[in-house]
Protein backbone atom coordinates (compact mmCIF):
# COMPACT_ATOMS: atom_id res chain seq x y z
CA UNK A 1 34.11 -1.11 -25.17
CA UNK A 2 36.80 -0.10 -27.56
CA UNK A 3 40.34 0.11 -26.02
CA UNK A 4 41.98 -1.73 -22.98
CA UNK A 5 43.08 -0.08 -19.84
CA UNK A 6 46.53 0.58 -19.29
CA UNK A 7 48.55 -0.78 -16.30
CA UNK A 8 48.98 1.83 -13.39
CA UNK A 9 52.11 2.62 -11.85
CA UNK A 10 50.78 0.97 -8.64
CA UNK A 11 50.95 -2.36 -9.83
CA UNK A 12 47.49 -2.67 -11.15
CA UNK A 13 46.32 -5.14 -14.01
CA UNK A 14 44.08 -3.20 -16.35
CA UNK A 15 41.91 -5.26 -18.90
CA UNK A 16 39.57 -3.69 -21.41
CA UNK A 17 36.26 -4.59 -22.93
CA UNK A 18 37.85 -5.53 -26.14
CA UNK A 19 41.71 -4.93 -25.76
CA UNK A 20 43.98 -6.29 -23.15
CA UNK A 21 45.70 -4.32 -20.60
CA UNK A 22 49.36 -4.21 -19.67
CA UNK A 23 50.20 -6.07 -16.50
CA UNK A 24 51.29 -4.18 -13.44
CA UNK A 25 52.98 -5.11 -10.44
CA UNK A 26 50.30 -4.46 -7.93
CA UNK A 27 47.95 -7.63 -8.97
CA UNK A 28 44.54 -5.73 -8.81
CA UNK A 29 42.31 -5.54 -11.66
CA UNK A 30 40.72 -2.65 -13.14
CA UNK A 31 37.84 -2.48 -15.76
CA UNK A 32 37.13 0.66 -17.72
CA UNK A 33 34.53 1.88 -20.00
CA UNK A 34 36.72 2.90 -22.91
CA UNK A 35 39.51 4.86 -21.34
CA UNK A 36 42.33 3.88 -19.43
CA UNK A 37 42.70 2.16 -16.10
CA UNK A 38 43.46 4.27 -12.99
CA UNK A 39 46.68 5.12 -11.69
CA UNK A 40 46.12 4.45 -7.85
CA UNK A 41 44.90 0.81 -7.62
CA UNK A 42 41.21 1.73 -7.23
CA UNK A 43 38.28 -0.25 -8.80
CA UNK A 44 36.15 1.56 -11.47
CA UNK A 45 32.82 -0.17 -12.57
CA UNK A 46 31.15 1.16 -15.61
CA UNK A 47 28.43 0.18 -17.82
CA UNK A 48 24.50 0.90 -17.96
CA UNK A 49 23.91 -0.32 -14.37
CA UNK A 50 26.04 2.56 -12.95
CA UNK A 51 23.96 5.52 -14.19
CA UNK A 52 23.08 7.88 -11.25
CA UNK A 53 19.73 9.55 -10.60
CA UNK A 54 21.06 12.37 -8.37
CA UNK A 55 24.05 13.99 -7.20
CA UNK A 56 25.00 12.52 -3.43
CA UNK A 57 23.54 14.86 -0.80
CA UNK A 58 21.12 16.48 -3.03
CA UNK A 59 17.55 17.26 -1.70
CA UNK A 60 14.08 17.28 -3.31
CA UNK A 61 10.48 17.08 -2.19
CA UNK A 62 8.06 14.08 -2.74
CA UNK A 63 4.78 15.68 -1.52
CA UNK A 64 5.31 16.74 2.17
CA UNK A 65 8.50 14.45 2.41
CA UNK A 66 12.10 15.48 1.96
CA UNK A 67 14.44 13.23 0.05
CA UNK A 68 18.30 13.07 0.44
CA UNK A 69 20.20 11.43 -2.57
CA UNK A 70 22.32 8.80 -1.32
CA UNK A 71 25.85 7.84 -1.92
CA UNK A 72 25.16 5.86 -4.80
CA UNK A 73 23.19 8.66 -6.71
CA UNK A 74 19.89 7.23 -5.88
CA UNK A 75 16.77 8.70 -4.33
CA UNK A 76 15.43 6.79 -1.38
CA UNK A 77 11.86 5.34 -1.44
CA UNK A 78 11.02 7.11 1.69
CA UNK A 79 11.76 10.65 3.01
CA UNK A 80 11.75 12.69 6.18
CA UNK A 81 8.17 14.21 6.82
CA UNK A 82 8.26 18.00 7.07
CA UNK A 83 6.56 19.62 10.05
CA UNK A 84 4.64 21.95 7.59
CA UNK A 85 5.45 21.82 3.96
CA UNK A 86 8.14 20.60 1.42
CA UNK A 87 8.89 23.30 -0.85
CA UNK A 88 11.72 22.94 -3.77
CA UNK A 89 14.60 21.28 -1.64
CA UNK A 90 13.93 22.20 1.94
CA UNK A 91 11.28 22.04 4.54
CA UNK A 92 9.78 25.26 5.37
CA UNK A 93 6.37 27.26 6.26
CA UNK A 94 4.81 28.10 9.44
CA UNK A 95 1.47 25.82 9.43
CA UNK A 96 0.11 23.12 7.87
CA UNK A 97 -1.89 23.86 4.72
CA UNK A 98 -5.64 23.76 5.41
CA UNK A 99 -5.44 24.01 9.16
CA UNK A 100 -7.24 26.82 11.09
CA UNK A 101 -6.36 29.14 13.84
CA UNK A 102 -8.12 31.89 15.49
CA UNK A 103 -6.62 35.45 16.01
CA UNK A 104 -9.07 36.99 18.60
CA UNK A 105 -12.56 36.58 16.87
CA UNK A 106 -11.13 36.29 13.12
CA UNK A 107 -10.69 32.68 11.72
CA UNK A 108 -7.38 32.20 9.73
CA UNK A 109 -6.88 29.29 7.32
CA UNK A 110 -3.28 28.22 6.52
CA UNK A 111 -2.49 28.59 2.82
CA UNK A 112 -1.20 25.87 0.28
CA UNK A 113 2.20 27.49 0.81
CA UNK A 114 2.24 26.63 4.43
CA UNK A 115 1.64 30.51 5.62
CA UNK A 116 -1.01 32.48 7.59
CA UNK A 117 -2.91 35.06 5.66
CA UNK A 118 -2.68 38.60 6.93
CA UNK A 119 -6.54 38.67 6.96
CA UNK A 120 -9.14 36.11 7.74
CA UNK A 121 -13.02 35.84 8.41
CA UNK A 122 -14.25 38.02 11.16
CA UNK A 123 -16.88 36.33 13.00
CA UNK A 124 -20.25 38.22 13.32
CA UNK A 125 -21.40 39.54 16.52
CA UNK A 126 -22.42 36.56 18.93
CA UNK A 127 -20.28 34.26 17.03
CA UNK A 128 -17.31 32.65 18.43
CA UNK A 129 -14.13 31.55 16.26
CA UNK A 130 -13.77 27.84 16.62
CA UNK A 131 -10.30 26.55 14.98
CA UNK A 132 -11.41 23.05 15.43
CA UNK A 133 -14.49 23.28 13.58
CA UNK A 134 -13.07 25.84 11.03
CA UNK A 135 -15.99 28.00 11.49
CA UNK A 136 -17.77 30.83 13.37
CA UNK A 137 -19.85 29.06 15.68
CA UNK A 138 -22.75 30.34 17.58
CA UNK A 139 -23.01 28.96 21.15
CA UNK A 140 -25.84 30.95 22.24
CA UNK A 141 -29.27 31.06 20.31
CA UNK A 142 -29.19 31.05 16.63
CA UNK A 143 -32.04 32.87 15.05
CA UNK A 144 -33.86 32.20 11.61
CA UNK A 145 -32.41 35.47 10.45
CA UNK A 146 -28.67 34.32 11.10
CA UNK A 147 -28.19 36.59 14.23
CA UNK A 148 -26.50 34.97 17.34
CA UNK A 149 -28.27 36.00 20.54
CA UNK A 150 -28.00 35.60 24.13
CA UNK A 151 -31.60 35.17 24.86
CA UNK A 152 -30.92 35.08 28.59
CA UNK A 153 -30.02 38.78 28.65
CA UNK A 154 -30.72 40.55 25.53
CA UNK A 155 -33.65 42.97 26.01
CA UNK A 156 -34.61 42.96 22.29
CA UNK A 157 -34.57 39.08 22.47
CA UNK A 158 -35.47 38.24 25.86
CA UNK A 159 -36.27 34.47 26.13
CA UNK A 160 -36.71 34.02 22.35
CA UNK A 161 -35.51 35.68 19.02
CA UNK A 162 -37.61 38.83 18.59
CA UNK A 163 -39.21 38.87 22.07
CA UNK A 164 -38.61 42.48 23.05
CA UNK A 165 -38.42 44.26 26.44
CA UNK A 166 -38.33 47.92 27.33
CA UNK A 167 -36.23 47.48 30.16
CA UNK A 168 -33.67 44.69 30.90
CA UNK A 169 -33.77 40.95 30.48
CA UNK A 170 -32.78 38.60 33.27
CA UNK A 171 -32.48 34.91 33.07
CA UNK A 172 -34.56 35.16 29.92
CA UNK A 173 -37.37 37.01 31.75
CA UNK A 174 -38.27 40.78 31.16
CA UNK A 175 -37.67 42.84 34.10
CA UNK A 176 -40.36 45.66 35.30
CA UNK A 177 -39.11 48.66 33.40
CA UNK A 178 -39.25 52.39 34.48
CA UNK A 179 -38.70 55.30 31.94
CA UNK A 180 -35.33 57.09 31.70
CA UNK A 181 -35.22 60.49 33.26
CA UNK A 182 -33.90 61.66 29.53
CA UNK A 183 -36.93 60.54 28.08
CA UNK A 184 -38.89 63.54 26.74
CA UNK A 185 -42.37 61.69 26.64
CA UNK A 186 -44.47 62.06 29.77
CA UNK A 187 -46.61 58.98 31.06
CA UNK A 188 -44.62 56.94 28.44
CA UNK A 189 -45.12 53.74 30.41
CA UNK A 190 -48.83 54.14 31.10
CA UNK A 191 -48.02 53.19 34.53
CA UNK A 192 -50.75 55.35 36.17
CA UNK A 193 -54.38 55.50 35.94
CA UNK A 194 -54.44 58.71 33.85
CA UNK A 195 -52.93 59.61 30.51
CA UNK A 196 -51.49 62.61 31.58
CA UNK A 197 -49.77 64.69 28.82
CA UNK A 198 -51.66 62.91 26.13
CA UNK A 199 -54.79 64.26 24.24
CA UNK A 200 -57.38 62.35 22.24
CA UNK A 201 -58.28 64.64 19.06
CA UNK A 202 -60.59 62.00 17.75
CA UNK A 203 -63.72 61.19 19.60
CA UNK A 204 -64.42 58.24 17.39
CA UNK A 205 -61.39 56.26 19.18
CA UNK A 206 -61.95 54.63 22.42
CA UNK A 207 -58.81 55.06 24.73
CA UNK A 208 -58.21 53.08 27.87
CA UNK A 209 -55.51 52.22 30.25
CA UNK A 210 -55.08 48.21 30.62
CA UNK A 211 -53.21 45.92 32.57
CA UNK A 212 -51.53 44.26 29.67
CA UNK A 213 -47.73 45.51 30.01
CA UNK A 214 -44.63 44.96 27.56
CA UNK A 215 -42.70 43.80 30.58
CA UNK A 216 -45.11 41.53 32.07
CA UNK A 217 -44.85 43.83 35.05
CA UNK A 218 -48.05 43.55 37.39
CA UNK A 219 -47.39 47.18 38.56
CA UNK A 220 -47.25 48.57 35.15
CA UNK A 221 -49.73 48.58 32.12
CA UNK A 222 -50.32 50.07 28.54
CA UNK A 223 -52.75 51.98 26.57
CA UNK A 224 -55.30 50.37 24.38
CA UNK A 225 -56.47 52.15 21.21
CA UNK A 226 -59.89 50.91 19.79
CA UNK A 227 -61.24 52.28 16.43
CA UNK A 228 -64.88 53.02 17.06
CA UNK A 229 -65.45 54.67 13.44
CA UNK A 230 -68.12 53.25 11.31
CA UNK A 231 -67.17 51.74 7.96
CA UNK A 232 -66.22 54.29 5.33
CA UNK A 233 -64.78 54.64 1.97
CA UNK A 234 -61.56 55.78 3.25
CA UNK A 235 -59.05 54.75 5.76
CA UNK A 236 -60.09 54.90 9.22
CA UNK A 237 -57.42 56.50 11.44
CA UNK A 238 -57.51 56.94 15.38
CA UNK A 239 -54.86 58.59 17.40
CA UNK A 240 -53.71 59.93 20.68
CA UNK A 241 -50.89 62.48 20.61
CA UNK A 242 -48.59 64.41 22.89
CA UNK A 243 -46.75 67.88 22.12
CA UNK A 244 -43.10 67.79 23.04
CA UNK A 245 -40.44 70.65 22.85
CA UNK A 246 -37.40 69.60 21.08
CA UNK A 247 -33.96 70.95 20.30
CA UNK A 248 -33.36 71.83 16.46
CA UNK A 249 -30.32 69.91 15.08
CA UNK A 250 -30.18 67.57 18.12
CA UNK A 251 -30.36 63.69 17.38
CA UNK A 252 -32.93 61.08 19.51
CA UNK A 253 -33.85 57.54 19.49
CA UNK A 254 -37.54 57.14 18.81
CA UNK A 255 -39.57 54.09 19.72
CA UNK A 256 -42.33 52.10 21.45
CA UNK A 257 -43.74 48.92 22.16
CA UNK A 258 -46.87 47.62 20.12
CA UNK A 259 -49.18 44.76 20.84
CA UNK A 260 -51.36 43.69 17.89
CA UNK A 261 -54.22 41.05 18.88
CA UNK A 262 -55.12 38.76 16.18
CA UNK A 263 -58.36 40.13 14.06
CA UNK A 264 -60.14 39.89 10.99
CA UNK A 265 -59.55 42.40 9.28
CA UNK A 266 -56.08 42.97 10.72
CA UNK A 267 -55.45 46.69 11.65
CA UNK A 268 -52.13 48.51 11.43
CA UNK A 269 -50.35 50.31 14.26
CA UNK A 270 -48.24 53.45 13.70
CA UNK A 271 -46.08 55.57 15.72
CA UNK A 272 -45.74 58.92 14.08
CA UNK A 273 -43.89 62.16 14.79
CA UNK A 274 -44.80 65.52 13.29
CA UNK A 275 -42.48 68.62 13.57
CA UNK A 276 -43.75 72.14 14.25
CA UNK A 277 -42.27 75.33 14.25
CA UNK A 278 -43.46 76.35 17.51
CA UNK A 279 -43.90 74.96 20.90
CA UNK A 280 -47.71 74.50 20.98
CA UNK A 281 -47.99 72.18 17.92
CA UNK A 282 -50.73 73.89 16.60
CA UNK A 283 -49.05 74.63 13.35
CA UNK A 284 -46.06 73.25 11.19
CA UNK A 285 -43.92 73.86 8.21
CA UNK A 286 -44.47 71.77 5.00
CA UNK A 287 -40.62 71.58 4.65
CA UNK A 288 -40.53 69.72 7.85
CA UNK A 289 -40.86 66.08 6.95
CA UNK A 290 -42.46 63.72 9.46
CA UNK A 291 -41.54 60.15 10.70
CA UNK A 292 -43.82 57.52 10.48
CA UNK A 293 -43.22 53.72 12.01
CA UNK A 294 -45.65 51.03 11.30
CA UNK A 295 -45.68 47.69 13.40
CA UNK A 296 -44.91 44.47 11.38
CA UNK A 297 -47.64 41.84 11.04
CA UNK A 298 -46.70 39.87 14.03
CA UNK A 299 -49.53 39.11 16.22
CA UNK A 300 -50.46 38.39 20.16
CA UNK A 301 -46.88 39.30 21.10
CA UNK A 302 -45.08 42.46 21.89
CA UNK A 303 -42.69 43.97 19.15
CA UNK A 304 -40.48 46.91 18.97
CA UNK A 305 -40.90 49.89 16.44
CA UNK A 306 -38.02 52.16 16.51
CA UNK A 307 -35.68 54.52 14.76
CA UNK A 308 -32.41 55.41 15.86
CA UNK A 309 -30.49 58.61 15.56
CA UNK A 310 -33.50 60.87 14.40
CA UNK A 311 -32.32 64.28 13.68
CA UNK A 312 -34.73 67.10 14.39
CA UNK A 313 -34.94 69.33 11.39
CA UNK A 314 -33.61 72.99 11.43
CA UNK A 315 -36.51 75.38 12.44
CA UNK A 316 -38.50 72.65 14.43
CA UNK A 317 -39.30 73.80 18.16
CA UNK A 318 -41.58 70.92 19.08
CA UNK A 319 -42.95 67.71 17.85
CA UNK A 320 -46.24 65.74 17.96
CA UNK A 321 -45.84 62.16 18.60
CA UNK A 322 -48.91 60.14 17.84
CA UNK A 323 -50.07 56.69 18.38
CA UNK A 324 -52.71 55.37 15.98
CA UNK A 325 -54.69 52.54 14.81
CA UNK A 326 -55.88 52.39 11.29
CA UNK A 327 -57.44 50.09 9.03
CA UNK A 328 -58.82 50.13 5.44
CA UNK A 329 -62.48 49.95 4.59
CA UNK A 330 -63.86 46.62 5.51
CA UNK A 331 -67.59 46.53 4.79
CA UNK A 332 -68.34 46.26 8.56
CA UNK A 333 -66.87 47.86 11.54
CA UNK A 334 -64.78 45.65 13.65
CA UNK A 335 -63.34 47.81 16.43
CA UNK A 336 -59.92 47.28 15.45
CA UNK A 337 -57.48 47.73 18.22
CA UNK A 338 -53.80 48.06 19.21
CA UNK A 339 -51.81 48.12 22.65
CA UNK A 340 -48.83 50.67 22.93
CA UNK A 341 -46.45 50.90 25.73
CA UNK A 342 -42.89 52.43 26.58
CA UNK A 343 -42.93 55.21 24.34
CA UNK A 344 -39.70 56.89 24.16
CA UNK A 345 -38.00 60.05 22.60
CA UNK A 346 -34.68 60.07 24.27
CA UNK A 347 -31.29 61.82 23.43
CA UNK A 348 -29.00 59.17 21.88
CA UNK A 349 -27.85 56.77 22.86
CA UNK A 350 -30.78 56.34 25.43
CA UNK A 351 -34.11 54.49 24.81
CA UNK A 352 -37.03 53.82 27.18
């Protein structure tokens, strides 16, 4: 480059890029960049071709592979694949990014840093965490509203989504139901030939016990309400009712099963509770609000109308539970009708 090497004491002959070296006694030759030759007889190679990329033994990451600098100061073209992730200059992590795992019924997804999150996605009722699919899977029956239901055993979805049973469901079939001893409604299943405990305050409504049953039970039945009123300019409303003593401040579950046959015009069916301040249900208090539950526009099948955790107002001593069929004026009487079965007013958490 500019000056020659100097002969070392070990007998090495040094030669420069531009100037000559002094001969030594060892007979070996050294070439230098611009400085002097070595003193121990080693060979030093300079020039542009000797430029290094890394320090031998150093590490770096190439995507998910760990590279180790070789003895010539070069990075290899291939490295060692890390089990999980390569970060900085070492393999690490506890999971492959994007991989899924289930903890109980919670789905976890490994982060880009190769670690499991502290929380994940909790699967909804009925759904099962599936790590392979990376999702909450329904292995039962998935209803149109997104619920995952065991229709073989769920009494509220027996055999199909929305098909209700007042009793139990076994092998997708409603089983014959008997009312709970805690149910305060007398003759609530209409299993006998009488309507004991019920009154018919409106003579313009036809009331009869029929064999159609919410559990399809041959030994039971339901009550049929048929509106016999002539057409008027106001709503026609026909009802049967029962007066039941209650405990103020206590909480109950309220409900019934309703069957609406398809008709034109289509009537409404209502389950209603009115609170009274004395046990004969002859007068009430305007401050005690009533509860009114209307059936949905679902025809030719049994449906459940219910409200959970109904609190009896303070000051109430009894309630009048009413089953009603009603319609708007139609221009012609059409004998609108509705079936009721399995009525209940039961201390929580009970039902029928």
